[in-house]
Protein backbone atom coordinates (compact mmCIF):
# COMPACT_ATOMS: atom_id res chain seq x y z
CA UNK A 1 0.00 0.00 0.00
CA UNK A 2 2.72 2.50 0.91
CA UNK A 3 4.54 1.67 -2.34
CA UNK A 4 1.45 2.72 -4.30
CA UNK A 5 1.32 6.02 -2.39
CA UNK A 6 4.96 6.73 -3.24
CA UNK A 7 4.69 6.08 -6.96
CA UNK A 8 5.37 9.13 -9.15
CA UNK A 9 2.18 8.57 -11.11
CA UNK A 10 0.07 8.70 -7.96
CA UNK A 11 1.83 11.79 -6.65
CA UNK A 12 1.49 13.62 -9.98
CA UNK A 13 -2.18 12.67 -10.15
CA UNK A 14 -2.75 13.85 -6.59
CA UNK A 15 -0.96 17.13 -7.28
CA UNK A 16 -3.04 17.54 -10.42
CA UNK A 17 -6.30 17.00 -8.51
CA UNK A 18 -5.25 19.46 -5.82
CA UNK A 19 -4.30 22.06 -8.43
CA UNK A 20 -7.61 21.65 -10.26
CA UNK A 21 -9.56 21.81 -7.00
CA UNK A 22 -7.67 24.88 -5.81
CA UNK A 23 -8.04 26.73 -9.08
CA UNK A 24 -11.74 25.85 -9.23
CA UNK A 25 -12.25 27.23 -5.72
CA UNK A 26 -10.32 30.41 -6.56
CA UNK A 27 -12.29 30.93 -9.78
CA UNK A 28 -15.58 30.48 -7.89
CA UNK A 29 -14.59 33.01 -5.23
CA UNK A 30 -13.39 35.45 -7.87
CA UNK A 31 -16.64 35.06 -9.80
CA UNK A 32 -18.75 35.66 -6.68
CA UNK A 33 -16.70 38.78 -5.89
CA UNK A 34 -17.21 40.09 -9.43
CA UNK A 35 -20.95 39.43 -9.24
CA UNK A 36 -21.20 41.40 -5.98
CA UNK A 37 -19.20 44.28 -7.46
CA UNK A 38 -21.40 44.27 -10.55
CA UNK A 39 -24.56 44.33 -8.44
CA UNK A 40 -23.23 47.29 -6.44
CA UNK A 41 -22.44 49.18 -9.66
CA UNK A 42 -25.90 48.44 -11.04
CA UNK A 43 -27.54 49.66 -7.81
CA UNK A 44 -25.57 52.89 -8.04
CA UNK A 45 -26.50 53.30 -11.69
CA UNK A 46 -30.17 52.66 -10.89
CA UNK A 47 -30.11 55.40 -8.25
CA UNK A 48 -28.48 57.80 -10.68
CA UNK A 49 -31.03 57.02 -13.38
CA UNK A 50 -33.92 57.44 -10.95
CA UNK A 51 -32.52 60.83 -9.95
CA UNK A 52 -32.24 61.94 -13.56
CA UNK A 53 -35.73 60.69 -14.34
CA UNK A 54 -37.01 62.71 -11.38
CA UNK A 55 -35.30 65.84 -12.69
CA UNK A 56 -36.74 65.29 -16.16
CA UNK A 57 -40.24 64.75 -14.75
CA UNK A 58 -39.95 67.95 -12.68
CA UNK A 59 -38.85 69.92 -15.72
CA UNK A 60 -41.68 68.44 -17.77
CA UNK A 61 -44.20 69.35 -15.06
CA UNK A 62 -42.89 72.93 -15.07
CA UNK A 63 -43.12 73.12 -18.86
CA UNK A 64 -46.62 71.66 -18.89
CA UNK A 65 -47.64 74.06 -16.14
CA UNK A 66 -46.43 77.02 -18.21
CA UNK A 67 -48.24 75.71 -21.28
CA UNK A 68 -51.47 75.28 -19.33
CA UNK A 69 -51.16 78.78 -17.87
CA UNK A 70 -50.82 80.29 -21.35
CA UNK A 71 -53.99 78.51 -22.55
CA UNK A 72 -56.14 79.83 -19.70
PDB file of N, CA and C in Angstrom:
ATOM      1  N   UNK A   1       0.829  -1.189   0.000  1.00  0.00           N
ATOM      2  CA  UNK A   1       0.000   0.000   0.000  1.00  0.00           C
ATOM      3  C   UNK A   1       0.869   1.247   0.000  1.00  0.00           C
ATOM      4  N   UNK A   2       1.877   1.301   0.837  1.00  0.00           N
ATOM      5  CA  UNK A   2       2.722   2.495   0.905  1.00  0.00           C
ATOM      6  C   UNK A   2       3.531   2.665  -0.379  1.00  0.00           C
ATOM      7  N   UNK A   3       3.823   1.561  -1.078  1.00  0.00           N
ATOM      8  CA  UNK A   3       4.544   1.670  -2.344  1.00  0.00           C
ATOM      9  C   UNK A   3       3.663   2.346  -3.391  1.00  0.00           C
ATOM     10  N   UNK A   4       2.359   2.089  -3.349  1.00  0.00           N
ATOM     11  CA  UNK A   4       1.446   2.722  -4.301  1.00  0.00           C
ATOM     12  C   UNK A   4       1.334   4.218  -4.025  1.00  0.00           C
ATOM     13  N   UNK A   5       1.409   4.598  -2.746  1.00  0.00           N
ATOM     14  CA  UNK A   5       1.317   6.018  -2.394  1.00  0.00           C
ATOM     15  C   UNK A   5       2.578   6.785  -2.778  1.00  0.00           C
ATOM     16  N   UNK A   6       3.689   6.075  -2.914  1.00  0.00           N
ATOM     17  CA  UNK A   6       4.959   6.726  -3.238  1.00  0.00           C
ATOM     18  C   UNK A   6       5.249   6.745  -4.732  1.00  0.00           C
ATOM     19  N   UNK A   7       4.402   6.140  -5.526  1.00  0.00           N
ATOM     20  CA  UNK A   7       4.690   6.080  -6.958  1.00  0.00           C
ATOM     21  C   UNK A   7       4.551   7.474  -7.569  1.00  0.00           C
ATOM     22  N   UNK A   8       5.419   7.799  -8.523  1.00  0.00           N
ATOM     23  CA  UNK A   8       5.370   9.127  -9.148  1.00  0.00           C
ATOM     24  C   UNK A   8       4.036   9.402  -9.845  1.00  0.00           C
ATOM     25  N   UNK A   9       3.454   8.376 -10.422  1.00  0.00           N
ATOM     26  CA  UNK A   9       2.177   8.566 -11.110  1.00  0.00           C
ATOM     27  C   UNK A   9       1.087   8.995 -10.128  1.00  0.00           C
ATOM     28  N   UNK A  10       1.054   8.353  -8.976  1.00  0.00           N
ATOM     29  CA  UNK A  10       0.065   8.698  -7.960  1.00  0.00           C
ATOM     30  C   UNK A  10       0.287  10.115  -7.449  1.00  0.00           C
ATOM     31  N   UNK A  11       1.532  10.460  -7.181  1.00  0.00           N
ATOM     32  CA  UNK A  11       1.834  11.792  -6.653  1.00  0.00           C
ATOM     33  C   UNK A  11       1.510  12.889  -7.673  1.00  0.00           C
ATOM     34  N   UNK A  12       1.816  12.643  -8.935  1.00  0.00           N
ATOM     35  CA  UNK A  12       1.492  13.625  -9.977  1.00  0.00           C
ATOM     36  C   UNK A  12      -0.025  13.749 -10.118  1.00  0.00           C
ATOM     37  N   UNK A  13      -0.713  12.629 -10.072  1.00  0.00           N
ATOM     38  CA  UNK A  13      -2.177  12.669 -10.153  1.00  0.00           C
ATOM     39  C   UNK A  13      -2.790  13.407  -8.976  1.00  0.00           C
ATOM     40  N   UNK A  14      -2.261  13.163  -7.782  1.00  0.00           N
ATOM     41  CA  UNK A  14      -2.751  13.847  -6.588  1.00  0.00           C
ATOM     42  C   UNK A  14      -2.483  15.349  -6.675  1.00  0.00           C
ATOM     43  N   UNK A  15      -1.288  15.707  -7.113  1.00  0.00           N
ATOM     44  CA  UNK A  15      -0.964  17.127  -7.280  1.00  0.00           C
ATOM     45  C   UNK A  15      -1.872  17.767  -8.322  1.00  0.00           C
ATOM     46  N   UNK A  16      -2.153  17.035  -9.378  1.00  0.00           N
ATOM     47  CA  UNK A  16      -3.044  17.536 -10.424  1.00  0.00           C
ATOM     48  C   UNK A  16      -4.451  17.777  -9.869  1.00  0.00           C
ATOM     49  N   UNK A  17      -4.972  16.835  -9.104  1.00  0.00           N
ATOM     50  CA  UNK A  17      -6.300  17.001  -8.508  1.00  0.00           C
ATOM     51  C   UNK A  17      -6.338  18.183  -7.548  1.00  0.00           C
ATOM     52  N   UNK A  18      -5.296  18.330  -6.746  1.00  0.00           N
ATOM     53  CA  UNK A  18      -5.247  19.462  -5.821  1.00  0.00           C
ATOM     54  C   UNK A  18      -5.171  20.789  -6.568  1.00  0.00           C
ATOM     55  N   UNK A  19      -4.409  20.830  -7.642  1.00  0.00           N
ATOM     56  CA  UNK A  19      -4.299  22.059  -8.433  1.00  0.00           C
ATOM     57  C   UNK A  19      -5.636  22.403  -9.086  1.00  0.00           C
ATOM     58  N   UNK A  20      -6.308  21.411  -9.630  1.00  0.00           N
ATOM     59  CA  UNK A  20      -7.610  21.652 -10.259  1.00  0.00           C
ATOM     60  C   UNK A  20      -8.628  22.099  -9.211  1.00  0.00           C
ATOM     61  N   UNK A  21      -8.634  21.432  -8.072  1.00  0.00           N
ATOM     62  CA  UNK A  21      -9.561  21.815  -7.001  1.00  0.00           C
ATOM     63  C   UNK A  21      -9.291  23.217  -6.485  1.00  0.00           C
ATOM     64  N   UNK A  22      -8.024  23.546  -6.286  1.00  0.00           N
ATOM     65  CA  UNK A  22      -7.670  24.883  -5.807  1.00  0.00           C
ATOM     66  C   UNK A  22      -8.020  25.963  -6.803  1.00  0.00           C
ATOM     67  N   UNK A  23      -7.731  25.715  -8.062  1.00  0.00           N
ATOM     68  CA  UNK A  23      -8.038  26.728  -9.077  1.00  0.00           C
ATOM     69  C   UNK A  23      -9.545  26.875  -9.263  1.00  0.00           C
ATOM     70  N   UNK A  24     -10.283  25.775  -9.140  1.00  0.00           N
ATOM     71  CA  UNK A  24     -11.743  25.853  -9.233  1.00  0.00           C
ATOM     72  C   UNK A  24     -12.301  26.674  -8.084  1.00  0.00           C
ATOM     73  N   UNK A  25     -11.809  26.463  -6.884  1.00  0.00           N
ATOM     74  CA  UNK A  25     -12.254  27.231  -5.718  1.00  0.00           C
ATOM     75  C   UNK A  25     -11.926  28.711  -5.894  1.00  0.00           C
ATOM     76  N   UNK A  26     -10.719  29.010  -6.357  1.00  0.00           N
ATOM     77  CA  UNK A  26     -10.319  30.407  -6.565  1.00  0.00           C
ATOM     78  C   UNK A  26     -11.195  31.074  -7.621  1.00  0.00           C
ATOM     79  N   UNK A  27     -11.450  30.365  -8.722  1.00  0.00           N
ATOM     80  CA  UNK A  27     -12.290  30.931  -9.778  1.00  0.00           C
ATOM     81  C   UNK A  27     -13.711  31.190  -9.267  1.00  0.00           C
ATOM     82  N   UNK A  28     -14.242  30.293  -8.451  1.00  0.00           N
ATOM     83  CA  UNK A  28     -15.584  30.480  -7.892  1.00  0.00           C
ATOM     84  C   UNK A  28     -15.618  31.712  -7.000  1.00  0.00           C
ATOM     85  N   UNK A  29     -14.635  31.850  -6.122  1.00  0.00           N
ATOM     86  CA  UNK A  29     -14.586  33.008  -5.231  1.00  0.00           C
ATOM     87  C   UNK A  29     -14.427  34.302  -6.018  1.00  0.00           C
ATOM     88  N   UNK A  30     -13.606  34.270  -7.033  1.00  0.00           N
ATOM     89  CA  UNK A  30     -13.387  35.451  -7.873  1.00  0.00           C
ATOM     90  C   UNK A  30     -14.674  35.816  -8.614  1.00  0.00           C
ATOM     91  N   UNK A  31     -15.383  34.823  -9.093  1.00  0.00           N
ATOM     92  CA  UNK A  31     -16.643  35.055  -9.804  1.00  0.00           C
ATOM     93  C   UNK A  31     -17.694  35.655  -8.866  1.00  0.00           C
ATOM     94  N   UNK A  32     -17.802  35.130  -7.664  1.00  0.00           N
ATOM     95  CA  UNK A  32     -18.753  35.659  -6.682  1.00  0.00           C
ATOM     96  C   UNK A  32     -18.413  37.106  -6.355  1.00  0.00           C
ATOM     97  N   UNK A  33     -17.131  37.400  -6.171  1.00  0.00           N
ATOM     98  CA  UNK A  33     -16.702  38.776  -5.892  1.00  0.00           C
ATOM     99  C   UNK A  33     -17.096  39.701  -7.040  1.00  0.00           C
ATOM    100  N   UNK A  34     -16.856  39.272  -8.269  1.00  0.00           N
ATOM    101  CA  UNK A  34     -17.207  40.094  -9.431  1.00  0.00           C
ATOM    102  C   UNK A  34     -18.715  40.303  -9.531  1.00  0.00           C
ATOM    103  N   UNK A  35     -19.500  39.284  -9.209  1.00  0.00           N
ATOM    104  CA  UNK A  35     -20.954  39.432  -9.236  1.00  0.00           C
ATOM    105  C   UNK A  35     -21.423  40.461  -8.207  1.00  0.00           C
ATOM    106  N   UNK A  36     -20.830  40.431  -7.013  1.00  0.00           N
ATOM    107  CA  UNK A  36     -21.199  41.397  -5.978  1.00  0.00           C
ATOM    108  C   UNK A  36     -20.812  42.812  -6.390  1.00  0.00           C
ATOM    109  N   UNK A  37     -19.633  42.960  -6.982  1.00  0.00           N
ATOM    110  CA  UNK A  37     -19.204  44.279  -7.456  1.00  0.00           C
ATOM    111  C   UNK A  37     -20.130  44.779  -8.563  1.00  0.00           C
ATOM    112  N   UNK A  38     -20.511  43.891  -9.458  1.00  0.00           N
ATOM    113  CA  UNK A  38     -21.403  44.271 -10.551  1.00  0.00           C
ATOM    114  C   UNK A  38     -22.765  44.705 -10.004  1.00  0.00           C
ATOM    115  N   UNK A  39     -23.275  43.972  -9.030  1.00  0.00           N
ATOM    116  CA  UNK A  39     -24.560  44.326  -8.438  1.00  0.00           C
ATOM    117  C   UNK A  39     -24.493  45.693  -7.763  1.00  0.00           C
ATOM    118  N   UNK A  40     -23.385  45.975  -7.083  1.00  0.00           N
ATOM    119  CA  UNK A  40     -23.225  47.287  -6.444  1.00  0.00           C
ATOM    120  C   UNK A  40     -23.186  48.398  -7.488  1.00  0.00           C
ATOM    121  N   UNK A  41     -22.485  48.173  -8.593  1.00  0.00           N
ATOM    122  CA  UNK A  41     -22.439  49.182  -9.660  1.00  0.00           C
ATOM    123  C   UNK A  41     -23.815  49.395 -10.273  1.00  0.00           C
ATOM    124  N   UNK A  42     -24.568  48.310 -10.457  1.00  0.00           N
ATOM    125  CA  UNK A  42     -25.901  48.440 -11.039  1.00  0.00           C
ATOM    126  C   UNK A  42     -26.852  49.174 -10.086  1.00  0.00           C
ATOM    127  N   UNK A  43     -26.722  48.935  -8.785  1.00  0.00           N
ATOM    128  CA  UNK A  43     -27.543  49.658  -7.814  1.00  0.00           C
ATOM    129  C   UNK A  43     -27.237  51.149  -7.855  1.00  0.00           C
ATOM    130  N   UNK A  44     -25.960  51.486  -7.951  1.00  0.00           N
ATOM    131  CA  UNK A  44     -25.566  52.889  -8.036  1.00  0.00           C
ATOM    132  C   UNK A  44     -26.098  53.516  -9.322  1.00  0.00           C
ATOM    133  N   UNK A  45     -25.999  52.802 -10.406  1.00  0.00           N
ATOM    134  CA  UNK A  45     -26.504  53.300 -11.687  1.00  0.00           C
ATOM    135  C   UNK A  45     -28.019  53.479 -11.641  1.00  0.00           C
ATOM    136  N   UNK A  46     -28.715  52.545 -11.004  1.00  0.00           N
ATOM    137  CA  UNK A  46     -30.167  52.660 -10.886  1.00  0.00           C
ATOM    138  C   UNK A  46     -30.546  53.918 -10.110  1.00  0.00           C
ATOM    139  N   UNK A  47     -29.837  54.190  -9.021  1.00  0.00           N
ATOM    140  CA  UNK A  47     -30.109  55.400  -8.251  1.00  0.00           C
ATOM    141  C   UNK A  47     -29.860  56.656  -9.064  1.00  0.00           C
ATOM    142  N   UNK A  48     -28.782  56.653  -9.835  1.00  0.00           N
ATOM    143  CA  UNK A  48     -28.476  57.803 -10.685  1.00  0.00           C
ATOM    144  C   UNK A  48     -29.559  58.000 -11.732  1.00  0.00           C
ATOM    145  N   UNK A  49     -29.981  56.916 -12.359  1.00  0.00           N
ATOM    146  CA  UNK A  49     -31.031  57.019 -13.376  1.00  0.00           C
ATOM    147  C   UNK A  49     -32.346  57.496 -12.776  1.00  0.00           C
ATOM    148  N   UNK A  50     -32.684  56.990 -11.596  1.00  0.00           N
ATOM    149  CA  UNK A  50     -33.922  57.437 -10.951  1.00  0.00           C
ATOM    150  C   UNK A  50     -33.848  58.931 -10.638  1.00  0.00           C
ATOM    151  N   UNK A  51     -32.690  59.401 -10.218  1.00  0.00           N
ATOM    152  CA  UNK A  51     -32.520  60.831  -9.954  1.00  0.00           C
ATOM    153  C   UNK A  51     -32.695  61.660 -11.209  1.00  0.00           C
ATOM    154  N   UNK A  52     -32.104  61.204 -12.299  1.00  0.00           N
ATOM    155  CA  UNK A  52     -32.239  61.935 -13.561  1.00  0.00           C
ATOM    156  C   UNK A  52     -33.682  61.912 -14.062  1.00  0.00           C
ATOM    157  N   UNK A  53     -34.335  60.780 -13.919  1.00  0.00           N
ATOM    158  CA  UNK A  53     -35.735  60.694 -14.339  1.00  0.00           C
ATOM    159  C   UNK A  53     -36.582  61.666 -13.520  1.00  0.00           C
ATOM    160  N   UNK A  54     -36.292  61.761 -12.226  1.00  0.00           N
ATOM    161  CA  UNK A  54     -37.014  62.714 -11.382  1.00  0.00           C
ATOM    162  C   UNK A  54     -36.805  64.144 -11.844  1.00  0.00           C
ATOM    163  N   UNK A  55     -35.570  64.486 -12.191  1.00  0.00           N
ATOM    164  CA  UNK A  55     -35.296  65.840 -12.691  1.00  0.00           C
ATOM    165  C   UNK A  55     -36.036  66.106 -13.998  1.00  0.00           C
ATOM    166  N   UNK A  56     -36.051  65.130 -14.871  1.00  0.00           N
ATOM    167  CA  UNK A  56     -36.745  65.286 -16.158  1.00  0.00           C
ATOM    168  C   UNK A  56     -38.247  65.441 -15.932  1.00  0.00           C
ATOM    169  N   UNK A  57     -38.811  64.639 -15.027  1.00  0.00           N
ATOM    170  CA  UNK A  57     -40.242  64.753 -14.746  1.00  0.00           C
ATOM    171  C   UNK A  57     -40.578  66.113 -14.149  1.00  0.00           C
ATOM    172  N   UNK A  58     -39.727  66.623 -13.257  1.00  0.00           N
ATOM    173  CA  UNK A  58     -39.952  67.948 -12.678  1.00  0.00           C
ATOM    174  C   UNK A  58     -39.919  69.024 -13.752  1.00  0.00           C
ATOM    175  N   UNK A  59     -38.942  68.936 -14.642  1.00  0.00           N
ATOM    176  CA  UNK A  59     -38.846  69.919 -15.723  1.00  0.00           C
ATOM    177  C   UNK A  59     -40.060  69.822 -16.641  1.00  0.00           C
ATOM    178  N   UNK A  60     -40.508  68.621 -16.922  1.00  0.00           N
ATOM    179  CA  UNK A  60     -41.685  68.435 -17.769  1.00  0.00           C
ATOM    180  C   UNK A  60     -42.929  69.009 -17.097  1.00  0.00           C
ATOM    181  N   UNK A  61     -43.057  68.780 -15.791  1.00  0.00           N
ATOM    182  CA  UNK A  61     -44.195  69.351 -15.062  1.00  0.00           C
ATOM    183  C   UNK A  61     -44.169  70.876 -15.125  1.00  0.00           C
ATOM    184  N   UNK A  62     -42.995  71.471 -14.980  1.00  0.00           N
ATOM    185  CA  UNK A  62     -42.885  72.932 -15.068  1.00  0.00           C
ATOM    186  C   UNK A  62     -43.266  73.418 -16.461  1.00  0.00           C
ATOM    187  N   UNK A  63     -42.787  72.717 -17.492  1.00  0.00           N
ATOM    188  CA  UNK A  63     -43.121  73.118 -18.863  1.00  0.00           C
ATOM    189  C   UNK A  63     -44.611  72.965 -19.142  1.00  0.00           C
ATOM    190  N   UNK A  64     -45.189  71.872 -18.682  1.00  0.00           N
ATOM    191  CA  UNK A  64     -46.620  71.663 -18.888  1.00  0.00           C
ATOM    192  C   UNK A  64     -47.433  72.678 -18.105  1.00  0.00           C
ATOM    193  N   UNK A  65     -46.957  73.050 -16.940  1.00  0.00           N
ATOM    194  CA  UNK A  65     -47.639  74.065 -16.143  1.00  0.00           C
ATOM    195  C   UNK A  65     -47.642  75.399 -16.853  1.00  0.00           C
ATOM    196  N   UNK A  66     -46.508  75.765 -17.463  1.00  0.00           N
ATOM    197  CA  UNK A  66     -46.434  77.023 -18.209  1.00  0.00           C
ATOM    198  C   UNK A  66     -47.333  76.969 -19.434  1.00  0.00           C
ATOM    199  N   UNK A  67     -47.390  75.838 -20.095  1.00  0.00           N
ATOM    200  CA  UNK A  67     -48.237  75.705 -21.283  1.00  0.00           C
ATOM    201  C   UNK A  67     -49.700  75.809 -20.892  1.00  0.00           C
ATOM    202  N   UNK A  68     -50.080  75.212 -19.782  1.00  0.00           N
ATOM    203  CA  UNK A  68     -51.465  75.275 -19.328  1.00  0.00           C
ATOM    204  C   UNK A  68     -51.830  76.682 -18.882  1.00  0.00           C
ATOM    205  N   UNK A  69     -50.890  77.411 -18.298  1.00  0.00           N
ATOM    206  CA  UNK A  69     -51.162  78.782 -17.865  1.00  0.00           C
ATOM    207  C   UNK A  69     -51.382  79.690 -19.068  1.00  0.00           C
ATOM    208  N   UNK A  70     -50.672  79.467 -20.149  1.00  0.00           N
ATOM    209  CA  UNK A  70     -50.822  80.289 -21.349  1.00  0.00           C
ATOM    210  C   UNK A  70     -52.162  80.042 -22.033  1.00  0.00           C
ATOM    211  N   UNK A  71     -52.722  78.845 -21.901  1.00  0.00           N
ATOM    212  CA  UNK A  71     -53.991  78.512 -22.549  1.00  0.00           C
ATOM    213  C   UNK A  71     -55.171  79.098 -21.791  1.00  0.00           C
ATOM    214  N   UNK A  72     -55.011  79.347 -20.518  1.00  0.00           N
ATOM    215  CA  UNK A  72     -56.140  79.826 -19.705  1.00  0.00           C
ATOM    216  C   UNK A  72     -56.372  81.282 -19.851  1.00  0.00           C
TER     217      UNK A  72
END
